[in-house]
């Protein structure tokens, strides 16, 4: 346990004098630093971003993808019902439209 006392190099330091010296140094160097104004916005070139399309183009693209997905789901449902009828309907896991 005696080794913990030897590890602390700042044990007998006078913190009041260190704080006052640090404040004098920071005030002298603060005047030499030139800072950017906070309200200035950096201008970023447009080439960094993907091209933006108008809202009606996006609506058409995403709407057609959603409609295609719904149509594919309906076709799969019809195909499944057809296969169930061909097999005789013996092993039906579920039936559509029956509550």
PDB file of N, CA and C in Angstrom:
ATOM      1  N   UNK A   1       0.812  -1.194   0.000  1.00  0.00           N
ATOM      2  CA  UNK A   1       0.000   0.000   0.000  1.00  0.00           C
ATOM      3  C   UNK A   1       0.857   1.261   0.000  1.00  0.00           C
ATOM      4  N   UNK A   2       2.098   1.136   0.325  1.00  0.00           N
ATOM      5  CA  UNK A   2       2.994   2.285   0.320  1.00  0.00           C
ATOM      6  C   UNK A   2       3.315   2.762  -1.084  1.00  0.00           C
ATOM      7  N   UNK A   3       3.082   1.900  -2.078  1.00  0.00           N
ATOM      8  CA  UNK A   3       3.386   2.280  -3.460  1.00  0.00           C
ATOM      9  C   UNK A   3       2.369   3.266  -4.012  1.00  0.00           C
ATOM     10  N   UNK A   4       1.133   3.312  -3.456  1.00  0.00           N
ATOM     11  CA  UNK A   4       0.131   4.260  -3.929  1.00  0.00           C
ATOM     12  C   UNK A   4       0.547   5.693  -3.631  1.00  0.00           C
ATOM     13  N   UNK A   5       1.185   5.930  -2.528  1.00  0.00           N
ATOM     14  CA  UNK A   5       1.627   7.290  -2.189  1.00  0.00           C
ATOM     15  C   UNK A   5       2.731   7.752  -3.121  1.00  0.00           C
ATOM     16  N   UNK A   6       3.579   6.889  -3.568  1.00  0.00           N
ATOM     17  CA  UNK A   6       4.674   7.289  -4.442  1.00  0.00           C
ATOM     18  C   UNK A   6       4.199   7.516  -5.871  1.00  0.00           C
ATOM     19  N   UNK A   7       3.020   7.020  -6.254  1.00  0.00           N
ATOM     20  CA  UNK A   7       2.499   7.200  -7.607  1.00  0.00           C
ATOM     21  C   UNK A   7       1.917   8.591  -7.835  1.00  0.00           C
ATOM     22  N   UNK A   8       1.556   9.312  -6.818  1.00  0.00           N
ATOM     23  CA  UNK A   8       0.912  10.613  -6.962  1.00  0.00           C
ATOM     24  C   UNK A   8       1.968  11.711  -7.054  1.00  0.00           C
ATOM     25  N   UNK A   9       2.315  12.203  -8.246  1.00  0.00           N
ATOM     26  CA  UNK A   9       3.351  13.227  -8.369  1.00  0.00           C
ATOM     27  C   UNK A   9       2.861  14.627  -7.978  1.00  0.00           C
ATOM     28  N   UNK A  10       1.552  14.846  -7.905  1.00  0.00           N
ATOM     29  CA  UNK A  10       1.016  16.174  -7.619  1.00  0.00           C
ATOM     30  C   UNK A  10       0.481  16.287  -6.200  1.00  0.00           C
ATOM     31  N   UNK A  11       1.032  15.522  -5.278  1.00  0.00           N
ATOM     32  CA  UNK A  11       0.483  15.457  -3.934  1.00  0.00           C
ATOM     33  C   UNK A  11       0.637  16.771  -3.179  1.00  0.00           C
ATOM     34  N   UNK A  12       1.761  17.407  -3.242  1.00  0.00           N
ATOM     35  CA  UNK A  12       1.971  18.628  -2.476  1.00  0.00           C
ATOM     36  C   UNK A  12       1.880  19.894  -3.312  1.00  0.00           C
ATOM     37  N   UNK A  13       1.132  19.896  -4.390  1.00  0.00           N
ATOM     38  CA  UNK A  13       1.062  21.026  -5.303  1.00  0.00           C
ATOM     39  C   UNK A  13       0.102  22.086  -4.780  1.00  0.00           C
ATOM     40  N   UNK A  14       0.464  23.359  -4.971  1.00  0.00           N
ATOM     41  CA  UNK A  14      -0.394  24.478  -4.601  1.00  0.00           C
ATOM     42  C   UNK A  14      -1.267  24.812  -5.814  1.00  0.00           C
ATOM     43  N   UNK A  15      -2.542  24.430  -5.757  1.00  0.00           N
ATOM     44  CA  UNK A  15      -3.413  24.569  -6.915  1.00  0.00           C
ATOM     45  C   UNK A  15      -3.823  26.006  -7.173  1.00  0.00           C
ATOM     46  N   UNK A  16      -3.796  26.865  -6.209  1.00  0.00           N
ATOM     47  CA  UNK A  16      -4.175  28.270  -6.405  1.00  0.00           C
ATOM     48  C   UNK A  16      -3.205  28.985  -7.340  1.00  0.00           C
ATOM     49  N   UNK A  17      -1.927  28.753  -7.176  1.00  0.00           N
ATOM     50  CA  UNK A  17      -0.963  29.421  -8.052  1.00  0.00           C
ATOM     51  C   UNK A  17      -1.000  28.854  -9.464  1.00  0.00           C
ATOM     52  N   UNK A  18      -1.266  27.562  -9.609  1.00  0.00           N
ATOM     53  CA  UNK A  18      -1.336  26.962 -10.944  1.00  0.00           C
ATOM     54  C   UNK A  18      -2.543  27.497 -11.702  1.00  0.00           C
ATOM     55  N   UNK A  19      -3.679  27.665 -11.037  1.00  0.00           N
ATOM     56  CA  UNK A  19      -4.878  28.177 -11.691  1.00  0.00           C
ATOM     57  C   UNK A  19      -4.694  29.613 -12.144  1.00  0.00           C
ATOM     58  N   UNK A  20      -4.059  30.450 -11.344  1.00  0.00           N
ATOM     59  CA  UNK A  20      -3.882  31.851 -11.733  1.00  0.00           C
ATOM     60  C   UNK A  20      -2.911  31.978 -12.908  1.00  0.00           C
ATOM     61  N   UNK A  21      -1.879  31.149 -12.971  1.00  0.00           N
ATOM     62  CA  UNK A  21      -0.944  31.181 -14.095  1.00  0.00           C
ATOM     63  C   UNK A  21      -1.647  30.712 -15.363  1.00  0.00           C
ATOM     64  N   UNK A  22      -2.502  29.683 -15.264  1.00  0.00           N
ATOM     65  CA  UNK A  22      -3.233  29.173 -16.421  1.00  0.00           C
ATOM     66  C   UNK A  22      -4.198  30.199 -16.983  1.00  0.00           C
ATOM     67  N   UNK A  23      -4.833  31.000 -16.125  1.00  0.00           N
ATOM     68  CA  UNK A  23      -5.755  32.020 -16.581  1.00  0.00           C
ATOM     69  C   UNK A  23      -5.018  33.141 -17.296  1.00  0.00           C
ATOM     70  N   UNK A  24      -3.851  33.514 -16.837  1.00  0.00           N
ATOM     71  CA  UNK A  24      -3.080  34.563 -17.495  1.00  0.00           C
ATOM     72  C   UNK A  24      -2.637  34.111 -18.879  1.00  0.00           C
ATOM     73  N   UNK A  25      -2.234  32.869 -19.018  1.00  0.00           N
ATOM     74  CA  UNK A  25      -1.785  32.370 -20.308  1.00  0.00           C
ATOM     75  C   UNK A  25      -2.946  32.252 -21.288  1.00  0.00           C
ATOM     76  N   UNK A  26      -4.104  31.808 -20.825  1.00  0.00           N
ATOM     77  CA  UNK A  26      -5.232  31.634 -21.735  1.00  0.00           C
ATOM     78  C   UNK A  26      -5.767  32.973 -22.218  1.00  0.00           C
ATOM     79  N   UNK A  27      -5.766  34.022 -21.383  1.00  0.00           N
ATOM     80  CA  UNK A  27      -6.271  35.314 -21.826  1.00  0.00           C
ATOM     81  C   UNK A  27      -5.320  35.960 -22.820  1.00  0.00           C
ATOM     82  N   UNK A  28      -4.036  35.715 -22.713  1.00  0.00           N
ATOM     83  CA  UNK A  28      -3.071  36.288 -23.643  1.00  0.00           C
ATOM     84  C   UNK A  28      -3.156  35.596 -24.998  1.00  0.00           C
ATOM     85  N   UNK A  29      -3.367  34.314 -25.021  1.00  0.00           N
ATOM     86  CA  UNK A  29      -3.409  33.591 -26.284  1.00  0.00           C
ATOM     87  C   UNK A  29      -4.766  33.687 -26.960  1.00  0.00           C
ATOM     88  N   UNK A  30      -5.830  34.045 -26.248  1.00  0.00           N
ATOM     89  CA  UNK A  30      -7.157  34.127 -26.833  1.00  0.00           C
ATOM     90  C   UNK A  30      -7.266  35.276 -27.819  1.00  0.00           C
ATOM     91  N   UNK A  31      -6.534  36.338 -27.616  1.00  0.00           N
ATOM     92  CA  UNK A  31      -6.612  37.463 -28.543  1.00  0.00           C
ATOM     93  C   UNK A  31      -5.914  37.152 -29.854  1.00  0.00           C
ATOM     94  N   UNK A  32      -4.958  36.259 -29.861  1.00  0.00           N
ATOM     95  CA  UNK A  32      -4.216  35.946 -31.075  1.00  0.00           C
ATOM     96  C   UNK A  32      -4.970  34.952 -31.964  1.00  0.00           C
ATOM     97  N   UNK A  33      -5.952  34.220 -31.420  1.00  0.00           N
ATOM     98  CA  UNK A  33      -6.675  33.219 -32.189  1.00  0.00           C
ATOM     99  C   UNK A  33      -7.818  33.885 -32.926  1.00  0.00           C
ATOM    100  N   UNK A  34      -7.862  33.687 -34.243  1.00  0.00           N
ATOM    101  CA  UNK A  34      -8.957  34.239 -35.042  1.00  0.00           C
ATOM    102  C   UNK A  34      -9.958  33.127 -35.309  1.00  0.00           C
ATOM    103  N   UNK A  35     -11.202  33.364 -34.970  1.00  0.00           N
ATOM    104  CA  UNK A  35     -12.227  32.339 -35.112  1.00  0.00           C
ATOM    105  C   UNK A  35     -13.217  32.722 -36.196  1.00  0.00           C
ATOM    106  N   UNK A  36     -13.824  31.673 -36.758  1.00  0.00           N
ATOM    107  CA  UNK A  36     -14.873  31.902 -37.746  1.00  0.00           C
ATOM    108  C   UNK A  36     -16.149  32.339 -37.055  1.00  0.00           C
ATOM    109  N   UNK A  37     -16.942  33.188 -37.692  1.00  0.00           N
ATOM    110  CA  UNK A  37     -18.241  33.530 -37.089  1.00  0.00           C
ATOM    111  C   UNK A  37     -19.138  32.306 -37.035  1.00  0.00           C
ATOM    112  N   UNK A  38     -19.925  32.209 -35.982  1.00  0.00           N
ATOM    113  CA  UNK A  38     -20.758  31.027 -35.774  1.00  0.00           C
ATOM    114  C   UNK A  38     -21.937  30.966 -36.742  1.00  0.00           C
ATOM    115  N   UNK A  39     -22.420  32.091 -37.211  1.00  0.00           N
ATOM    116  CA  UNK A  39     -23.615  32.079 -38.041  1.00  0.00           C
ATOM    117  C   UNK A  39     -23.304  31.845 -39.520  1.00  0.00           C
ATOM    118  N   UNK A  40     -22.059  31.712 -39.903  1.00  0.00           N
ATOM    119  CA  UNK A  40     -21.715  31.480 -41.297  1.00  0.00           C
ATOM    120  C   UNK A  40     -21.858  29.983 -41.598  1.00  0.00           C
ATOM    121  N   UNK A  41     -22.581  29.661 -42.659  1.00  0.00           N
ATOM    122  CA  UNK A  41     -22.812  28.280 -43.044  1.00  0.00           C
ATOM    123  C   UNK A  41     -21.819  27.907 -44.134  1.00  0.00           C
ATOM    124  N   UNK A  42     -21.193  26.739 -43.963  1.00  0.00           N
ATOM    125  CA  UNK A  42     -20.255  26.279 -44.983  1.00  0.00           C
ATOM    126  C   UNK A  42     -20.992  25.915 -46.246  1.00  0.00           C
ATOM    127  N   UNK A  43     -20.477  26.337 -47.363  1.00  0.00           N
ATOM    128  CA  UNK A  43     -21.088  25.986 -48.633  1.00  0.00           C
ATOM    129  C   UNK A  43     -20.463  24.687 -49.132  1.00  0.00           C
ATOM    130  N   UNK A  44     -21.299  23.682 -49.342  1.00  0.00           N
ATOM    131  CA  UNK A  44     -20.840  22.371 -49.777  1.00  0.00           C
ATOM    132  C   UNK A  44     -21.217  22.215 -51.242  1.00  0.00           C
ATOM    133  N   UNK A  45     -20.289  21.773 -52.075  1.00  0.00           N
ATOM    134  CA  UNK A  45     -20.622  21.597 -53.498  1.00  0.00           C
ATOM    135  C   UNK A  45     -21.757  20.601 -53.690  1.00  0.00           C
ATOM    136  N   UNK A  46     -22.545  20.843 -54.713  1.00  0.00           N
ATOM    137  CA  UNK A  46     -23.714  20.019 -54.990  1.00  0.00           C
ATOM    138  C   UNK A  46     -23.313  18.617 -55.465  1.00  0.00           C
ATOM    139  N   UNK A  47     -22.075  18.445 -55.919  1.00  0.00           N
ATOM    140  CA  UNK A  47     -21.661  17.146 -56.465  1.00  0.00           C
ATOM    141  C   UNK A  47     -21.505  16.091 -55.369  1.00  0.00           C
ATOM    142  N   UNK A  48     -21.514  16.467 -54.100  1.00  0.00           N
ATOM    143  CA  UNK A  48     -21.389  15.501 -53.017  1.00  0.00           C
ATOM    144  C   UNK A  48     -22.673  14.729 -52.758  1.00  0.00           C
ATOM    145  N   UNK A  49     -23.778  15.206 -53.278  1.00  0.00           N
ATOM    146  CA  UNK A  49     -25.071  14.613 -52.991  1.00  0.00           C
ATOM    147  C   UNK A  49     -25.623  13.913 -54.225  1.00  0.00           C
ATOM    148  N   UNK A  50     -26.543  12.983 -53.998  1.00  0.00           N
ATOM    149  CA  UNK A  50     -27.225  12.340 -55.109  1.00  0.00           C
ATOM    150  C   UNK A  50     -28.151  13.348 -55.774  1.00  0.00           C
ATOM    151  N   UNK A  51     -28.430  13.162 -57.059  1.00  0.00           N
ATOM    152  CA  UNK A  51     -29.336  14.110 -57.720  1.00  0.00           C
ATOM    153  C   UNK A  51     -30.731  14.061 -57.105  1.00  0.00           C
ATOM    154  N   UNK A  52     -31.336  15.207 -56.980  1.00  0.00           N
ATOM    155  CA  UNK A  52     -32.674  15.282 -56.394  1.00  0.00           C
ATOM    156  C   UNK A  52     -33.695  15.395 -57.504  1.00  0.00           C
ATOM    157  N   UNK A  53     -34.722  14.575 -57.416  1.00  0.00           N
ATOM    158  CA  UNK A  53     -35.791  14.612 -58.402  1.00  0.00           C
ATOM    159  C   UNK A  53     -36.983  15.357 -57.814  1.00  0.00           C
ATOM    160  N   UNK A  54     -37.868  15.889 -58.655  1.00  0.00           N
ATOM    161  CA  UNK A  54     -39.083  16.525 -58.143  1.00  0.00           C
ATOM    162  C   UNK A  54     -39.982  15.501 -57.445  1.00  0.00           C
ATOM    163  N   UNK A  55     -40.888  15.976 -56.607  1.00  0.00           N
ATOM    164  CA  UNK A  55     -41.713  15.089 -55.796  1.00  0.00           C
ATOM    165  C   UNK A  55     -42.627  14.220 -56.644  1.00  0.00           C
ATOM    166  N   UNK A  56     -43.109  14.732 -57.776  1.00  0.00           N
ATOM    167  CA  UNK A  56     -44.028  13.948 -58.587  1.00  0.00           C
ATOM    168  C   UNK A  56     -43.296  12.796 -59.286  1.00  0.00           C
ATOM    169  N   UNK A  57     -42.015  12.953 -59.580  1.00  0.00           N
ATOM    170  CA  UNK A  57     -41.242  11.855 -60.166  1.00  0.00           C
ATOM    171  C   UNK A  57     -41.024  10.772 -59.117  1.00  0.00           C
ATOM    172  N   UNK A  58     -40.666  11.184 -57.910  1.00  0.00           N
ATOM    173  CA  UNK A  58     -40.491  10.212 -56.823  1.00  0.00           C
ATOM    174  C   UNK A  58     -41.799   9.489 -56.519  1.00  0.00           C
ATOM    175  N   UNK A  59     -42.901  10.225 -56.545  1.00  0.00           N
ATOM    176  CA  UNK A  59     -44.204   9.604 -56.300  1.00  0.00           C
ATOM    177  C   UNK A  59     -44.503   8.547 -57.353  1.00  0.00           C
ATOM    178  N   UNK A  60     -44.197   8.833 -58.605  1.00  0.00           N
ATOM    179  CA  UNK A  60     -44.429   7.863 -59.673  1.00  0.00           C
ATOM    180  C   UNK A  60     -43.557   6.628 -59.536  1.00  0.00           C
ATOM    181  N   UNK A  61     -42.270   6.828 -59.220  1.00  0.00           N
ATOM    182  CA  UNK A  61     -41.352   5.696 -59.095  1.00  0.00           C
ATOM    183  C   UNK A  61     -41.745   4.805 -57.925  1.00  0.00           C
ATOM    184  N   UNK A  62     -41.884   5.408 -56.734  1.00  0.00           N
ATOM    185  CA  UNK A  62     -42.187   4.601 -55.553  1.00  0.00           C
ATOM    186  C   UNK A  62     -43.605   4.042 -55.596  1.00  0.00           C
ATOM    187  N   UNK A  63     -44.531   4.792 -56.170  1.00  0.00           N
ATOM    188  CA  UNK A  63     -45.901   4.295 -56.302  1.00  0.00           C
ATOM    189  C   UNK A  63     -45.971   3.088 -57.206  1.00  0.00           C
ATOM    190  N   UNK A  64     -45.212   3.107 -58.313  1.00  0.00           N
ATOM    191  CA  UNK A  64     -45.228   1.952 -59.212  1.00  0.00           C
ATOM    192  C   UNK A  64     -44.567   0.746 -58.556  1.00  0.00           C
ATOM    193  N   UNK A  65     -43.522   0.970 -57.747  1.00  0.00           N
ATOM    194  CA  UNK A  65     -42.898  -0.158 -57.033  1.00  0.00           C
ATOM    195  C   UNK A  65     -43.867  -0.781 -56.035  1.00  0.00           C
ATOM    196  N   UNK A  66     -44.600   0.045 -55.318  1.00  0.00           N
ATOM    197  CA  UNK A  66     -45.572  -0.473 -54.346  1.00  0.00           C
ATOM    198  C   UNK A  66     -46.704  -1.209 -55.060  1.00  0.00           C
ATOM    199  N   UNK A  67     -47.193  -0.615 -56.156  1.00  0.00           N
ATOM    200  CA  UNK A  67     -48.273  -1.267 -56.906  1.00  0.00           C
ATOM    201  C   UNK A  67     -47.796  -2.601 -57.484  1.00  0.00           C
ATOM    202  N   UNK A  68     -46.560  -2.650 -57.950  1.00  0.00           N
ATOM    203  CA  UNK A  68     -46.013  -3.905 -58.463  1.00  0.00           C
ATOM    204  C   UNK A  68     -45.919  -4.963 -57.381  1.00  0.00           C
ATOM    205  N   UNK A  69     -45.537  -4.567 -56.176  1.00  0.00           N
ATOM    206  CA  UNK A  69     -45.470  -5.510 -55.060  1.00  0.00           C
ATOM    207  C   UNK A  69     -46.827  -6.041 -54.676  1.00  0.00           C
ATOM    208  N   UNK A  70     -47.829  -5.175 -54.682  1.00  0.00           N
ATOM    209  CA  UNK A  70     -49.193  -5.621 -54.366  1.00  0.00           C
ATOM    210  C   UNK A  70     -49.700  -6.570 -55.441  1.00  0.00           C
ATOM    211  N   UNK A  71     -49.426  -6.230 -56.701  1.00  0.00           N
ATOM    212  CA  UNK A  71     -49.847  -7.103 -57.804  1.00  0.00           C
ATOM    213  C   UNK A  71     -49.170  -8.458 -57.741  1.00  0.00           C
ATOM    214  N   UNK A  72     -47.885  -8.475 -57.416  1.00  0.00           N
ATOM    215  CA  UNK A  72     -47.172  -9.750 -57.297  1.00  0.00           C
ATOM    216  C   UNK A  72     -47.754 -10.583 -56.160  1.00  0.00           C
ATOM    217  N   UNK A  73     -48.108  -9.952 -55.062  1.00  0.00           N
ATOM    218  CA  UNK A  73     -48.725 -10.678 -53.949  1.00  0.00           C
ATOM    219  C   UNK A  73     -50.059 -11.281 -54.331  1.00  0.00           C
ATOM    220  N   UNK A  74     -50.834 -10.544 -55.130  1.00  0.00           N
ATOM    221  CA  UNK A  74     -52.128 -11.074 -55.567  1.00  0.00           C
ATOM    222  C   UNK A  74     -51.941 -12.258 -56.512  1.00  0.00           C
ATOM    223  N   UNK A  75     -50.946 -12.174 -57.403  1.00  0.00           N
ATOM    224  CA  UNK A  75     -50.685 -13.297 -58.309  1.00  0.00           C
ATOM    225  C   UNK A  75     -50.229 -14.535 -57.543  1.00  0.00           C
ATOM    226  N   UNK A  76     -49.407 -14.347 -56.536  1.00  0.00           N
ATOM    227  CA  UNK A  76     -48.951 -15.481 -55.724  1.00  0.00           C
ATOM    228  C   UNK A  76     -50.127 -16.109 -54.986  1.00  0.00           C
ATOM    229  N   UNK A  77     -51.042 -15.283 -54.500  1.00  0.00           N
ATOM    230  CA  UNK A  77     -52.216 -15.815 -53.811  1.00  0.00           C
ATOM    231  C   UNK A  77     -53.075 -16.655 -54.755  1.00  0.00           C
ATOM    232  N   UNK A  78     -53.254 -16.163 -55.988  1.00  0.00           N
ATOM    233  CA  UNK A  78     -54.041 -16.911 -56.973  1.00  0.00           C
ATOM    234  C   UNK A  78     -53.345 -18.230 -57.306  1.00  0.00           C
ATOM    235  N   UNK A  79     -52.035 -18.186 -57.482  1.00  0.00           N
ATOM    236  CA  UNK A  79     -51.261 -19.396 -57.795  1.00  0.00           C
ATOM    237  C   UNK A  79     -51.350 -20.414 -56.665  1.00  0.00           C
ATOM    238  N   UNK A  80     -51.275 -19.929 -55.421  1.00  0.00           N
ATOM    239  CA  UNK A  80     -51.377 -20.844 -54.283  1.00  0.00           C
ATOM    240  C   UNK A  80     -52.751 -21.490 -54.215  1.00  0.00           C
ATOM    241  N   UNK A  81     -53.797 -20.702 -54.435  1.00  0.00           N
ATOM    242  CA  UNK A  81     -55.154 -21.274 -54.411  1.00  0.00           C
ATOM    243  C   UNK A  81     -55.326 -22.312 -55.513  1.00  0.00           C
ATOM    244  N   UNK A  82     -54.748 -22.056 -56.695  1.00  0.00           N
ATOM    245  CA  UNK A  82     -54.831 -22.999 -57.799  1.00  0.00           C
ATOM    246  C   UNK A  82     -54.112 -24.308 -57.454  1.00  0.00           C
ATOM    247  N   UNK A  83     -52.937 -24.205 -56.836  1.00  0.00           N
ATOM    248  CA  UNK A  83     -52.191 -25.403 -56.458  1.00  0.00           C
ATOM    249  C   UNK A  83     -52.918 -26.196 -55.379  1.00  0.00           C
ATOM    250  N   UNK A  84     -53.565 -25.525 -54.465  1.00  0.00           N
ATOM    251  CA  UNK A  84     -54.320 -26.206 -53.412  1.00  0.00           C
ATOM    252  C   UNK A  84     -55.491 -26.974 -54.019  1.00  0.00           C
ATOM    253  N   UNK A  85     -56.196 -26.376 -55.006  1.00  0.00           N
ATOM    254  CA  UNK A  85     -57.312 -27.058 -55.647  1.00  0.00           C
ATOM    255  C   UNK A  85     -56.834 -28.250 -56.462  1.00  0.00           C
ATOM    256  N   UNK A  86     -55.643 -28.107 -57.125  1.00  0.00           N
ATOM    257  CA  UNK A  86     -55.096 -29.219 -57.909  1.00  0.00           C
ATOM    258  C   UNK A  86     -54.709 -30.391 -57.016  1.00  0.00           C
ATOM    259  N   UNK A  87     -54.208 -30.125 -55.835  1.00  0.00           N
ATOM    260  CA  UNK A  87     -53.784 -31.182 -54.925  1.00  0.00           C
ATOM    261  C   UNK A  87     -54.966 -31.843 -54.220  1.00  0.00           C
ATOM    262  N   UNK A  88     -56.123 -31.327 -54.375  1.00  0.00           N
ATOM    263  CA  UNK A  88     -57.297 -31.914 -53.753  1.00  0.00           C
ATOM    264  C   UNK A  88     -57.667 -31.237 -52.447  1.00  0.00           C
ATOM    265  N   UNK A  89     -56.857 -30.305 -51.975  1.00  0.00           N
ATOM    266  CA  UNK A  89     -57.183 -29.560 -50.777  1.00  0.00           C
ATOM    267  C   UNK A  89     -57.064 -30.365 -49.514  1.00  0.00           C
ATOM    268  N   UNK A  90     -56.345 -31.485 -49.524  1.00  0.00           N
ATOM    269  CA  UNK A  90     -56.227 -32.333 -48.351  1.00  0.00           C
ATOM    270  C   UNK A  90     -55.412 -31.701 -47.241  1.00  0.00           C
ATOM    271  N   UNK A  91     -54.309 -31.068 -47.583  1.00  0.00           N
ATOM    272  CA  UNK A  91     -53.434 -30.500 -46.557  1.00  0.00           C
ATOM    273  C   UNK A  91     -53.453 -28.975 -46.657  1.00  0.00           C
ATOM    274  N   UNK A  92     -54.529 -28.371 -46.266  1.00  0.00           N
ATOM    275  CA  UNK A  92     -54.672 -26.924 -46.321  1.00  0.00           C
ATOM    276  C   UNK A  92     -54.195 -26.338 -44.999  1.00  0.00           C
ATOM    277  N   UNK A  93     -53.242 -25.455 -45.083  1.00  0.00           N
ATOM    278  CA  UNK A  93     -52.749 -24.807 -43.884  1.00  0.00           C
ATOM    279  C   UNK A  93     -53.669 -23.643 -43.520  1.00  0.00           C
ATOM    280  N   UNK A  94     -54.079 -22.883 -44.495  1.00  0.00           N
ATOM    281  CA  UNK A  94     -55.024 -21.813 -44.279  1.00  0.00           C
ATOM    282  C   UNK A  94     -55.813 -21.563 -45.555  1.00  0.00           C
ATOM    283  N   UNK A  95     -56.941 -20.912 -45.426  1.00  0.00           N
ATOM    284  CA  UNK A  95     -57.777 -20.581 -46.563  1.00  0.00           C
ATOM    285  C   UNK A  95     -58.016 -19.092 -46.566  1.00  0.00           C
ATOM    286  N   UNK A  96     -57.888 -18.514 -47.717  1.00  0.00           N
ATOM    287  CA  UNK A  96     -58.087 -17.074 -47.842  1.00  0.00           C
ATOM    288  C   UNK A  96     -59.581 -16.751 -47.898  1.00  0.00           C
ATOM    289  N   UNK A  97     -59.961 -15.691 -47.273  1.00  0.00           N
ATOM    290  CA  UNK A  97     -61.335 -15.218 -47.342  1.00  0.00           C
ATOM    291  C   UNK A  97     -62.318 -15.933 -46.441  1.00  0.00           C
ATOM    292  N   UNK A  98     -61.884 -16.845 -45.611  1.00  0.00           N
ATOM    293  CA  UNK A  98     -62.784 -17.550 -44.692  1.00  0.00           C
ATOM    294  C   UNK A  98     -62.449 -17.138 -43.279  1.00  0.00           C
ATOM    295  N   UNK A  99     -63.426 -16.593 -42.591  1.00  0.00           N
ATOM    296  CA  UNK A  99     -63.181 -16.132 -41.210  1.00  0.00           C
ATOM    297  C   UNK A  99     -63.722 -17.103 -40.206  1.00  0.00           C
TER     298      UNK A  99
END
